[in-house]
PDB file of all heavy atoms in Angstrom:
ATOM      1  N   ILE A   1      96.104 107.831  97.425  1.00  0.00           N
ATOM      2  CA  ILE A   1      95.018 107.670  98.389  1.00  0.00           C
ATOM      3  C   ILE A   1      95.123 108.827  99.384  1.00  0.00           C
ATOM      4  O   ILE A   1      96.135 108.968 100.079  1.00  0.00           O
ATOM      5  CB  ILE A   1      95.096 106.297  99.089  1.00  0.00           C
ATOM      6  CG1 ILE A   1      94.870 105.184  98.050  1.00  0.00           C
ATOM      7  CG2 ILE A   1      94.073 106.204 100.214  1.00  0.00           C
ATOM      8  CD1 ILE A   1      94.979 103.777  98.596  1.00  0.00           C
ATOM      9  N   TRP A   2      94.104 109.681  99.392  1.00  0.00           N
ATOM     10  CA  TRP A   2      94.099 110.864 100.253  1.00  0.00           C
ATOM     11  C   TRP A   2      93.440 110.513 101.587  1.00  0.00           C
ATOM     12  O   TRP A   2      92.278 110.112 101.616  1.00  0.00           O
ATOM     13  CB  TRP A   2      93.357 112.005  99.561  1.00  0.00           C
ATOM     14  CG  TRP A   2      94.053 112.460  98.307  1.00  0.00           C
ATOM     15  CD1 TRP A   2      93.839 111.998  97.034  1.00  0.00           C
ATOM     16  CD2 TRP A   2      95.099 113.434  98.208  1.00  0.00           C
ATOM     17  NE1 TRP A   2      94.682 112.626  96.153  1.00  0.00           N
ATOM     18  CE2 TRP A   2      95.470 113.519  96.838  1.00  0.00           C
ATOM     19  CE3 TRP A   2      95.753 114.248  99.140  1.00  0.00           C
ATOM     20  CZ2 TRP A   2      96.456 114.385  96.389  1.00  0.00           C
ATOM     21  CZ3 TRP A   2      96.745 115.113  98.684  1.00  0.00           C
ATOM     22  CH2 TRP A   2      97.083 115.172  97.326  1.00  0.00           C
ATOM     23  N   LYS A   3      94.195 110.680 102.668  1.00  0.00           N
ATOM     24  CA  LYS A   3      93.703 110.263 103.988  1.00  0.00           C
ATOM     25  C   LYS A   3      93.897 111.398 104.999  1.00  0.00           C
ATOM     26  O   LYS A   3      94.515 112.413 104.681  1.00  0.00           O
ATOM     27  CB  LYS A   3      94.461 109.012 104.448  1.00  0.00           C
ATOM     28  CG  LYS A   3      94.274 107.817 103.504  1.00  0.00           C
ATOM     29  CD  LYS A   3      94.919 106.565 104.035  1.00  0.00           C
ATOM     30  CE  LYS A   3      94.021 105.784 104.930  1.00  0.00           C
ATOM     31  NZ  LYS A   3      92.996 105.004 104.262  1.00  0.00           N
ATOM     32  N   ASP A   4      93.409 111.167 106.219  1.00  0.00           N
ATOM     33  CA  ASP A   4      93.577 112.176 107.275  1.00  0.00           C
ATOM     34  C   ASP A   4      94.841 111.919 108.095  1.00  0.00           C
ATOM     35  O   ASP A   4      94.968 112.366 109.226  1.00  0.00           O
ATOM     36  CB  ASP A   4      92.344 112.232 108.180  1.00  0.00           C
ATOM     37  CG  ASP A   4      91.993 110.878 108.780  1.00  0.00           C
ATOM     38  OD1 ASP A   4      92.710 109.890 108.495  1.00  0.00           O
ATOM     39  OD2 ASP A   4      91.001 110.794 109.528  1.00  0.00           O
ATOM     40  N   VAL A   5      95.781 111.187 107.501  1.00  0.00           N
ATOM     41  CA  VAL A   5      97.086 110.951 108.133  1.00  0.00           C
ATOM     42  C   VAL A   5      98.163 111.432 107.162  1.00  0.00           C
ATOM     43  O   VAL A   5      97.913 111.534 105.960  1.00  0.00           O
ATOM     44  CB  VAL A   5      97.294 109.446 108.456  1.00  0.00           C
ATOM     45  CG1 VAL A   5      96.358 108.994 109.557  1.00  0.00           C
ATOM     46  CG2 VAL A   5      97.112 108.579 107.212  1.00  0.00           C
ATOM     47  N   PRO A   6      99.372 111.741 107.665  1.00  0.00           N
ATOM     48  CA  PRO A   6     100.399 112.317 106.781  1.00  0.00           C
ATOM     49  C   PRO A   6     101.018 111.319 105.809  1.00  0.00           C
ATOM     50  O   PRO A   6     101.766 111.700 104.910  1.00  0.00           O
ATOM     51  CB  PRO A   6     101.456 112.844 107.766  1.00  0.00           C
ATOM     52  CG  PRO A   6     101.261 112.052 109.011  1.00  0.00           C
ATOM     53  CD  PRO A   6      99.797 111.741 109.082  1.00  0.00           C
ATOM     54  N   GLY A   7     100.715 110.031 105.973  1.00  0.00           N
ATOM     55  CA  GLY A   7     101.301 109.004 105.119  1.00  0.00           C
ATOM     56  C   GLY A   7     101.311 107.700 105.884  1.00  0.00           C
ATOM     57  O   GLY A   7     100.511 107.494 106.802  1.00  0.00           O
ATOM     58  N   MET A   8     102.232 106.813 105.536  1.00  0.00           N
ATOM     59  CA  MET A   8     102.332 105.533 106.226  1.00  0.00           C
ATOM     60  C   MET A   8     103.372 105.652 107.341  1.00  0.00           C
ATOM     61  O   MET A   8     104.479 106.144 107.107  1.00  0.00           O
ATOM     62  CB  MET A   8     102.731 104.442 105.236  1.00  0.00           C
ATOM     63  CG  MET A   8     102.262 103.079 105.628  1.00  0.00           C
ATOM     64  SD  MET A   8     102.017 102.034 104.186  1.00  0.00           S
ATOM     65  CE  MET A   8     101.516 100.520 104.985  1.00  0.00           C
ATOM     66  N   LEU A   9     103.004 105.226 108.528  1.00  0.00           N
ATOM     67  CA  LEU A   9     103.911 105.309 109.679  1.00  0.00           C
ATOM     68  C   LEU A   9     104.521 103.944 109.969  1.00  0.00           C
ATOM     69  O   LEU A   9     103.989 102.912 109.552  1.00  0.00           O
ATOM     70  CB  LEU A   9     103.147 105.811 110.912  1.00  0.00           C
ATOM     71  CG  LEU A   9     102.419 107.149 110.734  1.00  0.00           C
ATOM     72  CD1 LEU A   9     101.528 107.442 111.934  1.00  0.00           C
ATOM     73  CD2 LEU A   9     103.402 108.288 110.521  1.00  0.00           C
ATOM     74  N   ASN A  10     105.645 103.948 110.689  1.00  0.00           N
ATOM     75  CA  ASN A  10     106.329 102.665 110.957  1.00  0.00           C
ATOM     76  C   ASN A  10     105.655 101.847 112.049  1.00  0.00           C
ATOM     77  O   ASN A  10     106.022 100.712 112.318  1.00  0.00           O
ATOM     78  CB  ASN A  10     107.801 102.907 111.312  1.00  0.00           C
ATOM     79  CG  ASN A  10     107.963 103.729 112.575  1.00  0.00           C
ATOM     80  OD1 ASN A  10     107.001 104.332 113.069  1.00  0.00           O
ATOM     81  ND2 ASN A  10     109.176 103.776 113.101  1.00  0.00           N
ATOM     82  N   ALA A  11     104.627 102.429 112.716  1.00  0.00           N
ATOM     83  CA  ALA A  11     103.860 101.689 113.732  1.00  0.00           C
ATOM     84  C   ALA A  11     102.545 102.437 113.955  1.00  0.00           C
ATOM     85  O   ALA A  11     102.389 103.582 113.527  1.00  0.00           O
ATOM     86  CB  ALA A  11     104.647 101.581 115.033  1.00  0.00           C
ATOM     87  N   ASP A  12     101.611 101.786 114.606  1.00  0.00           N
ATOM     88  CA  ASP A  12     100.312 102.400 114.868  1.00  0.00           C
ATOM     89  C   ASP A  12     100.449 103.404 116.016  1.00  0.00           C
ATOM     90  O   ASP A  12     100.780 103.022 117.141  1.00  0.00           O
ATOM     91  CB  ASP A  12      99.303 101.308 115.239  1.00  0.00           C
ATOM     92  CG  ASP A  12      97.873 101.849 115.297  1.00  0.00           C
ATOM     93  OD1 ASP A  12      97.706 103.046 115.626  1.00  0.00           O
ATOM     94  OD2 ASP A  12      96.942 101.081 115.023  1.00  0.00           O
ATOM     95  N   PRO A  13     100.190 104.722 115.743  1.00  0.00           N
ATOM     96  CA  PRO A  13     100.374 105.738 116.794  1.00  0.00           C
ATOM     97  C   PRO A  13      99.433 105.566 117.986  1.00  0.00           C
ATOM     98  O   PRO A  13      99.661 106.134 119.049  1.00  0.00           O
ATOM     99  CB  PRO A  13     100.090 107.057 116.061  1.00  0.00           C
ATOM    100  CG  PRO A  13      99.335 106.692 114.839  1.00  0.00           C
ATOM    101  CD  PRO A  13      99.752 105.298 114.473  1.00  0.00           C
ATOM    102  N   LYS A  14      98.388 104.745 117.807  1.00  0.00           N
ATOM    103  CA  LYS A  14      97.482 104.469 118.943  1.00  0.00           C
ATOM    104  C   LYS A  14      98.202 103.663 120.032  1.00  0.00           C
ATOM    105  O   LYS A  14      97.855 103.725 121.189  1.00  0.00           O
ATOM    106  CB  LYS A  14      96.249 103.687 118.459  1.00  0.00           C
ATOM    107  CG  LYS A  14      95.245 104.525 117.680  1.00  0.00           C
ATOM    108  CD  LYS A  14      93.851 103.912 117.743  1.00  0.00           C
ATOM    109  CE  LYS A  14      93.741 102.644 116.920  1.00  0.00           C
ATOM    110  NZ  LYS A  14      93.330 102.870 115.535  1.00  0.00           N
ATOM    111  N   TYR A  15      99.200 102.895 119.610  1.00  0.00           N
ATOM    112  CA  TYR A  15      99.864 101.991 120.555  1.00  0.00           C
ATOM    113  C   TYR A  15     101.335 102.340 120.801  1.00  0.00           C
ATOM    114  O   TYR A  15     101.932 101.874 121.753  1.00  0.00           O
ATOM    115  CB  TYR A  15      99.776 100.547 120.049  1.00  0.00           C
ATOM    116  CG  TYR A  15      98.363 100.108 119.787  1.00  0.00           C
ATOM    117  CD1 TYR A  15      97.903  99.902 118.483  1.00  0.00           C
ATOM    118  CD2 TYR A  15      97.456  99.925 120.829  1.00  0.00           C
ATOM    119  CE1 TYR A  15      96.587  99.514 118.244  1.00  0.00           C
ATOM    120  CE2 TYR A  15      96.158  99.540 120.600  1.00  0.00           C
ATOM    121  CZ  TYR A  15      95.723  99.339 119.296  1.00  0.00           C
ATOM    122  OH  TYR A  15      94.428  98.969 119.065  1.00  0.00           O
ATOM    123  N   PHE A  16     101.924 103.130 119.927  1.00  0.00           N
ATOM    124  CA  PHE A  16     103.357 103.428 120.046  1.00  0.00           C
ATOM    125  C   PHE A  16     103.587 104.936 119.996  1.00  0.00           C
ATOM    126  O   PHE A  16     102.951 105.634 119.210  1.00  0.00           O
ATOM    127  CB  PHE A  16     104.147 102.759 118.905  1.00  0.00           C
ATOM    128  CG  PHE A  16     104.076 101.263 118.914  1.00  0.00           C
ATOM    129  CD1 PHE A  16     103.131 100.603 118.139  1.00  0.00           C
ATOM    130  CD2 PHE A  16     104.951 100.510 119.686  1.00  0.00           C
ATOM    131  CE1 PHE A  16     103.046  99.210 118.145  1.00  0.00           C
ATOM    132  CE2 PHE A  16     104.871  99.123 119.697  1.00  0.00           C
ATOM    133  CZ  PHE A  16     103.931  98.477 118.930  1.00  0.00           C
ATOM    134  N   GLN A  17     104.518 105.389 120.821  1.00  0.00           N
ATOM    135  CA  GLN A  17     104.912 106.799 120.770  1.00  0.00           C
ATOM    136  C   GLN A  17     106.044 106.959 119.762  1.00  0.00           C
ATOM    137  O   GLN A  17     106.689 106.000 119.367  1.00  0.00           O
ATOM    138  CB  GLN A  17     105.384 107.258 122.153  1.00  0.00           C
ATOM    139  CG  GLN A  17     104.243 107.326 123.170  1.00  0.00           C
ATOM    140  CD  GLN A  17     104.740 107.820 124.517  1.00  0.00           C
ATOM    141  OE1 GLN A  17     105.867 107.555 124.886  1.00  0.00           O
ATOM    142  NE2 GLN A  17     103.883 108.520 125.235  1.00  0.00           N
ATOM    143  N   ASN A  18     106.287 108.204 119.371  1.00  0.00           N
ATOM    144  CA  ASN A  18     107.422 108.542 118.482  1.00  0.00           C
ATOM    145  C   ASN A  18     107.409 107.743 117.175  1.00  0.00           C
ATOM    146  O   ASN A  18     108.451 107.280 116.704  1.00  0.00           O
ATOM    147  CB  ASN A  18     108.771 108.314 119.207  1.00  0.00           C
ATOM    148  CG  ASN A  18     108.822 109.046 120.531  1.00  0.00           C
ATOM    149  OD1 ASN A  18     108.344 110.178 120.630  1.00  0.00           O
ATOM    150  ND2 ASN A  18     109.370 108.406 121.553  1.00  0.00           N
ATOM    151  N   THR A  19     106.219 107.549 116.612  1.00  0.00           N
ATOM    152  CA  THR A  19     106.171 106.868 115.311  1.00  0.00           C
ATOM    153  C   THR A  19     106.769 107.795 114.249  1.00  0.00           C
ATOM    154  O   THR A  19     106.741 109.012 114.380  1.00  0.00           O
ATOM    155  CB  THR A  19     104.715 106.536 114.917  1.00  0.00           C
ATOM    156  OG1 THR A  19     103.941 107.731 114.991  1.00  0.00           O
ATOM    157  CG2 THR A  19     104.122 105.482 115.815  1.00  0.00           C
ATOM    158  N   GLN A  20     107.308 107.180 113.204  1.00  0.00           N
ATOM    159  CA  GLN A  20     107.953 107.962 112.149  1.00  0.00           C
ATOM    160  C   GLN A  20     107.257 107.735 110.812  1.00  0.00           C
ATOM    161  O   GLN A  20     106.804 106.627 110.514  1.00  0.00           O
ATOM    162  CB  GLN A  20     109.431 107.566 112.037  1.00  0.00           C
ATOM    163  CG  GLN A  20     110.253 108.019 113.236  1.00  0.00           C
ATOM    164  CD  GLN A  20     111.706 107.618 113.078  1.00  0.00           C
ATOM    165  OE1 GLN A  20     112.004 106.481 112.684  1.00  0.00           O
ATOM    166  NE2 GLN A  20     112.616 108.528 113.373  1.00  0.00           N
ATOM    167  N   LEU A  21     107.206 108.812 110.042  1.00  0.00           N
ATOM    168  CA  LEU A  21     106.637 108.733 108.698  1.00  0.00           C
ATOM    169  C   LEU A  21     107.628 108.022 107.778  1.00  0.00           C
ATOM    170  O   LEU A  21     108.824 108.331 107.775  1.00  0.00           O
ATOM    171  CB  LEU A  21     106.365 110.150 108.176  1.00  0.00           C
ATOM    172  CG  LEU A  21     105.815 110.247 106.749  1.00  0.00           C
ATOM    173  CD1 LEU A  21     104.389 109.719 106.680  1.00  0.00           C
ATOM    174  CD2 LEU A  21     105.848 111.686 106.263  1.00  0.00           C
ATOM    175  N   LEU A  22     107.126 107.045 107.030  1.00  0.00           N
ATOM    176  CA  LEU A  22     107.968 106.358 106.048  1.00  0.00           C
ATOM    177  C   LEU A  22     107.806 107.086 104.716  1.00  0.00           C
ATOM    178  O   LEU A  22     106.720 107.123 104.153  1.00  0.00           O
ATOM    179  CB  LEU A  22     107.520 104.897 105.910  1.00  0.00           C
ATOM    180  CG  LEU A  22     107.559 104.079 107.206  1.00  0.00           C
ATOM    181  CD1 LEU A  22     106.785 102.782 107.048  1.00  0.00           C
ATOM    182  CD2 LEU A  22     109.000 103.798 107.616  1.00  0.00           C
ATOM    183  N   SER A  23     108.884 107.684 104.218  1.00  0.00           N
ATOM    184  CA  SER A  23     108.742 108.480 102.991  1.00  0.00           C
ATOM    185  C   SER A  23     108.687 107.591 101.750  1.00  0.00           C
ATOM    186  O   SER A  23     108.014 107.913 100.773  1.00  0.00           O
ATOM    187  CB  SER A  23     109.889 109.484 102.862  1.00  0.00           C
ATOM    188  OG  SER A  23     111.122 108.796 102.848  1.00  0.00           O
ATOM    189  N   SER A  24     109.353 106.444 101.799  1.00  0.00           N
ATOM    190  CA  SER A  24     109.353 105.548 100.641  1.00  0.00           C
ATOM    191  C   SER A  24     109.544 104.111 101.105  1.00  0.00           C
ATOM    192  O   SER A  24     110.480 103.812 101.854  1.00  0.00           O
ATOM    193  CB  SER A  24     110.479 105.935  99.683  1.00  0.00           C
ATOM    194  OG  SER A  24     110.528 105.021  98.611  1.00  0.00           O
ATOM    195  N   ILE A  25     108.652 103.222 100.690  1.00  0.00           N
ATOM    196  CA  ILE A  25     108.810 101.798 101.010  1.00  0.00           C
ATOM    197  C   ILE A  25     108.437 100.964  99.788  1.00  0.00           C
ATOM    198  O   ILE A  25     107.797 101.460  98.847  1.00  0.00           O
ATOM    199  CB  ILE A  25     107.952 101.359 102.226  1.00  0.00           C
ATOM    200  CG1 ILE A  25     106.461 101.631 101.986  1.00  0.00           C
ATOM    201  CG2 ILE A  25     108.415 102.023 103.499  1.00  0.00           C
ATOM    202  CD1 ILE A  25     105.561 101.020 103.051  1.00  0.00           C
ATOM    203  N   SER A  26     108.814  99.698  99.829  1.00  0.00           N
ATOM    204  CA  SER A  26     108.510  98.797  98.713  1.00  0.00           C
ATOM    205  C   SER A  26     107.104  98.221  98.873  1.00  0.00           C
ATOM    206  O   SER A  26     106.528  98.251  99.956  1.00  0.00           O
ATOM    207  CB  SER A  26     109.528  97.657  98.666  1.00  0.00           C
ATOM    208  OG  SER A  26     109.322  96.798  99.778  1.00  0.00           O
ATOM    209  N   TYR A  27     106.584  97.695  97.778  1.00  0.00           N
ATOM    210  CA  TYR A  27     105.277  97.021  97.836  1.00  0.00           C
ATOM    211  C   TYR A  27     105.310  95.915  98.893  1.00  0.00           C
ATOM    212  O   TYR A  27     104.379  95.762  99.675  1.00  0.00           O
ATOM    213  CB  TYR A  27     104.938  96.377  96.492  1.00  0.00           C
ATOM    214  CG  TYR A  27     104.775  97.335  95.329  1.00  0.00           C
ATOM    215  CD1 TYR A  27     105.655  97.290  94.250  1.00  0.00           C
ATOM    216  CD2 TYR A  27     103.714  98.236  95.277  1.00  0.00           C
ATOM    217  CE1 TYR A  27     105.502  98.137  93.162  1.00  0.00           C
ATOM    218  CE2 TYR A  27     103.555  99.094  94.198  1.00  0.00           C
ATOM    219  CZ  TYR A  27     104.452  99.040  93.140  1.00  0.00           C
ATOM    220  OH  TYR A  27     104.301  99.884  92.076  1.00  0.00           O
ATOM    221  N   ARG A  28     106.411  95.169  98.885  1.00  0.00           N
ATOM    222  CA  ARG A  28     106.515  94.037  99.800  1.00  0.00           C
ATOM    223  C   ARG A  28     106.452  94.497 101.257  1.00  0.00           C
ATOM    224  O   ARG A  28     105.766  93.910 102.086  1.00  0.00           O
ATOM    225  CB  ARG A  28     107.820  93.271  99.538  1.00  0.00           C
ATOM    226  CG  ARG A  28     107.846  91.889 100.190  1.00  0.00           C
ATOM    227  CD  ARG A  28     109.108  91.157  99.857  1.00  0.00           C
ATOM    228  NE  ARG A  28     110.225  91.647 100.664  1.00  0.00           N
ATOM    229  CZ  ARG A  28     111.466  91.177 100.542  1.00  0.00           C
ATOM    230  NH1 ARG A  28     111.752  90.256  99.651  1.00  0.00           N
ATOM    231  NH2 ARG A  28     112.437  91.649 101.312  1.00  0.00           N
ATOM    232  N   GLU A  29     107.179  95.584 101.550  1.00  0.00           N
ATOM    233  CA  GLU A  29     107.174  96.122 102.919  1.00  0.00           C
ATOM    234  C   GLU A  29     105.785  96.639 103.295  1.00  0.00           C
ATOM    235  O   GLU A  29     105.340  96.472 104.434  1.00  0.00           O
ATOM    236  CB  GLU A  29     108.204  97.252 103.036  1.00  0.00           C
ATOM    237  CG  GLU A  29     109.635  96.766 103.011  1.00  0.00           C
ATOM    238  CD  GLU A  29     110.632  97.908 102.813  1.00  0.00           C
ATOM    239  OE1 GLU A  29     110.352  98.831 102.025  1.00  0.00           O
ATOM    240  OE2 GLU A  29     111.689  97.864 103.446  1.00  0.00           O
ATOM    241  N   ALA A  30     105.096  97.245 102.326  1.00  0.00           N
ATOM    242  CA  ALA A  30     103.742  97.766 102.601  1.00  0.00           C
ATOM    243  C   ALA A  30     102.798  96.627 102.947  1.00  0.00           C
ATOM    244  O   ALA A  30     101.983  96.728 103.868  1.00  0.00           O
ATOM    245  CB  ALA A  30     103.224  98.536 101.392  1.00  0.00           C
ATOM    246  N   ILE A  31     102.905  95.523 102.203  1.00  0.00           N
ATOM    247  CA  ILE A  31     102.042  94.366 102.464  1.00  0.00           C
ATOM    248  C   ILE A  31     102.376  93.769 103.836  1.00  0.00           C
ATOM    249  O   ILE A  31     101.482  93.458 104.625  1.00  0.00           O
ATOM    250  CB  ILE A  31     102.193  93.309 101.337  1.00  0.00           C
ATOM    251  CG1 ILE A  31     101.521  93.831 100.055  1.00  0.00           C
ATOM    252  CG2 ILE A  31     101.576  91.981 101.750  1.00  0.00           C
ATOM    253  CD1 ILE A  31     101.798  93.006  98.812  1.00  0.00           C
ATOM    254  N   GLU A  32     103.670  93.680 104.148  1.00  0.00           N
ATOM    255  CA  GLU A  32     104.073  93.148 105.460  1.00  0.00           C
ATOM    256  C   GLU A  32     103.546  94.030 106.583  1.00  0.00           C
ATOM    257  O   GLU A  32     103.016  93.539 107.583  1.00  0.00           O
ATOM    258  CB  GLU A  32     105.604  93.034 105.536  1.00  0.00           C
ATOM    259  CG  GLU A  32     106.151  91.831 104.777  1.00  0.00           C
ATOM    260  CD  GLU A  32     107.674  91.830 104.689  1.00  0.00           C
ATOM    261  OE1 GLU A  32     108.310  92.730 105.286  1.00  0.00           O
ATOM    262  OE2 GLU A  32     108.209  90.940 104.011  1.00  0.00           O
ATOM    263  N   LEU A  33     103.694  95.344 106.434  1.00  0.00           N
ATOM    264  CA  LEU A  33     103.207  96.277 107.453  1.00  0.00           C
ATOM    265  C   LEU A  33     101.704  96.124 107.662  1.00  0.00           C
ATOM    266  O   LEU A  33     101.210  96.155 108.784  1.00  0.00           O
ATOM    267  CB  LEU A  33     103.525  97.720 107.056  1.00  0.00           C
ATOM    268  CG  LEU A  33     104.896  98.253 107.458  1.00  0.00           C
ATOM    269  CD1 LEU A  33     105.161  99.591 106.773  1.00  0.00           C
ATOM    270  CD2 LEU A  33     105.000  98.427 108.971  1.00  0.00           C
ATOM    271  N   SER A  34     100.974  95.955 106.556  1.00  0.00           N
ATOM    272  CA  SER A  34      99.513  95.851 106.685  1.00  0.00           C
ATOM    273  C   SER A  34      99.123  94.553 107.389  1.00  0.00           C
ATOM    274  O   SER A  34      98.163  94.530 108.150  1.00  0.00           O
ATOM    275  CB  SER A  34      98.826  95.960 105.322  1.00  0.00           C
ATOM    276  OG  SER A  34      99.188  94.884 104.498  1.00  0.00           O
ATOM    277  N   TYR A  35      99.887  93.488 107.175  1.00  0.00           N
ATOM    278  CA  TYR A  35      99.599  92.239 107.895  1.00  0.00           C
ATOM    279  C   TYR A  35      99.884  92.384 109.389  1.00  0.00           C
ATOM    280  O   TYR A  35      99.275  91.714 110.206  1.00  0.00           O
ATOM    281  CB  TYR A  35     100.426  91.079 107.321  1.00  0.00           C
ATOM    282  CG  TYR A  35      99.825  90.482 106.077  1.00  0.00           C
ATOM    283  CD1 TYR A  35     100.561  90.375 104.909  1.00  0.00           C
ATOM    284  CD2 TYR A  35      98.499  90.031 106.051  1.00  0.00           C
ATOM    285  CE1 TYR A  35     100.013  89.832 103.754  1.00  0.00           C
ATOM    286  CE2 TYR A  35      97.945  89.493 104.917  1.00  0.00           C
ATOM    287  CZ  TYR A  35      98.706  89.396 103.771  1.00  0.00           C
ATOM    288  OH  TYR A  35      98.151  88.867 102.634  1.00  0.00           O
ATOM    289  N   PHE A  36     100.807  93.291 109.730  1.00  0.00           N
ATOM    290  CA  PHE A  36     101.148  93.485 111.147  1.00  0.00           C
ATOM    291  C   PHE A  36     100.327  94.611 111.765  1.00  0.00           C
ATOM    292  O   PHE A  36     100.733  95.209 112.746  1.00  0.00           O
ATOM    293  CB  PHE A  36     102.652  93.732 111.308  1.00  0.00           C
ATOM    294  CG  PHE A  36     103.465  92.497 111.071  1.00  0.00           C
ATOM    295  CD1 PHE A  36     104.313  92.405 109.972  1.00  0.00           C
ATOM    296  CD2 PHE A  36     103.369  91.399 111.921  1.00  0.00           C
ATOM    297  CE1 PHE A  36     105.045  91.251 109.734  1.00  0.00           C
ATOM    298  CE2 PHE A  36     104.094  90.255 111.690  1.00  0.00           C
ATOM    299  CZ  PHE A  36     104.945  90.167 110.593  1.00  0.00           C
TER     300      PHE A  36
END
C-alpha cells in the first residue's frame, strides 16, 4: 500500500511527538494498532 507516510508509526504523529517507524510487526499487532 503506497501512502504519503514512511510506513506504520507506533503512534499518531498528530498527537504524539517523537513517533517511531515500525519496520516489522505482526498481523495481530497491526490490527491492535488500528483499533487504537
